[in-house]
Protein backbone atom coordinates (compact mmCIF):
# COMPACT_ATOMS: atom_id res chain seq x y z
CA UNK A 1 111.31 84.75 9.78
CA UNK A 2 110.46 85.45 6.18
CA UNK A 3 113.74 85.35 4.26
CA UNK A 4 112.17 86.19 0.91
CA UNK A 5 111.15 89.62 2.22
CA UNK A 6 114.68 90.30 3.42
CA UNK A 7 116.04 89.20 0.06
CA UNK A 8 113.75 91.61 -1.79
CA UNK A 9 114.80 94.46 0.51
CA UNK A 10 118.50 93.65 -0.05
CA UNK A 11 118.04 93.54 -3.83
CA UNK A 12 116.13 96.83 -3.75
CA UNK A 13 118.82 98.50 -1.66
CA UNK A 14 121.55 97.24 -4.01
CA UNK A 15 119.70 98.53 -7.07
CA UNK A 16 119.05 101.88 -5.40
CA UNK A 17 122.72 102.21 -4.44
CA UNK A 18 123.69 101.44 -8.04
CA UNK A 19 121.26 104.04 -9.42
CA UNK A 20 122.62 106.66 -7.01
CA UNK A 21 126.20 105.88 -8.07
CA UNK A 22 127.22 104.47 -4.69
CA UNK A 23 127.80 100.94 -5.97
CA UNK A 24 129.76 99.62 -8.93
CA UNK A 25 128.85 96.32 -10.59
CA UNK A 26 132.39 95.52 -11.79
CA UNK A 27 133.03 93.16 -8.89
CA UNK A 28 129.80 91.31 -9.65
CA UNK A 29 131.01 90.20 -13.09
CA UNK A 30 133.82 88.29 -11.37
CA UNK A 31 132.21 87.07 -8.14
CA UNK A 32 128.64 86.13 -9.16
CA UNK A 33 129.31 82.35 -9.18
CA UNK A 34 130.66 82.50 -5.63
CA UNK A 35 127.62 84.51 -4.52
CA UNK A 36 125.32 81.80 -5.92
CA UNK A 37 127.32 79.04 -4.20
CA UNK A 38 127.24 80.83 -0.85
CA UNK A 39 123.49 81.49 -1.19
CA UNK A 40 122.88 77.79 -1.95
CA UNK A 41 124.97 76.56 0.97
CA UNK A 42 123.28 79.07 3.30
CA UNK A 43 119.87 77.89 2.12
CA UNK A 44 120.74 74.24 2.76
CA UNK A 45 122.15 74.97 6.22
CA UNK A 46 119.17 77.14 7.16
CA UNK A 47 116.74 74.45 6.00
CA UNK A 48 118.51 71.73 7.97
CA UNK A 49 118.69 73.78 11.15
CA UNK A 50 115.00 74.70 10.97
CA UNK A 51 114.01 71.05 10.44
CA UNK A 52 116.34 69.62 13.10
CA UNK A 53 114.08 70.68 15.97
CA UNK A 54 110.93 69.19 14.47
CA UNK A 55 109.90 65.76 15.70
CA UNK A 56 106.92 63.99 14.29
CA UNK A 57 104.74 62.18 16.73
CA UNK A 58 103.45 58.81 15.65
CA UNK A 59 100.00 59.18 14.16
CA UNK A 60 97.27 56.59 13.71
CA UNK A 61 98.91 55.24 10.56
CA UNK A 62 102.46 55.17 11.97
CA UNK A 63 104.07 52.51 14.10
CA UNK A 64 106.41 53.69 16.86
């Protein structure tokens, strides 16, 4: 699944909600470091879980 597309959609929806007056950015000035930390941890966990099922078969230059 392409996560970058979902991220762009989420950013677009947030900006649209702000322009329509549905969303206030006051909370963002306080919580933006936590949002970055959560995004980083989520990225690491997602990367590990997607690589955990991959097994490399020994090739001609690898010893098993």
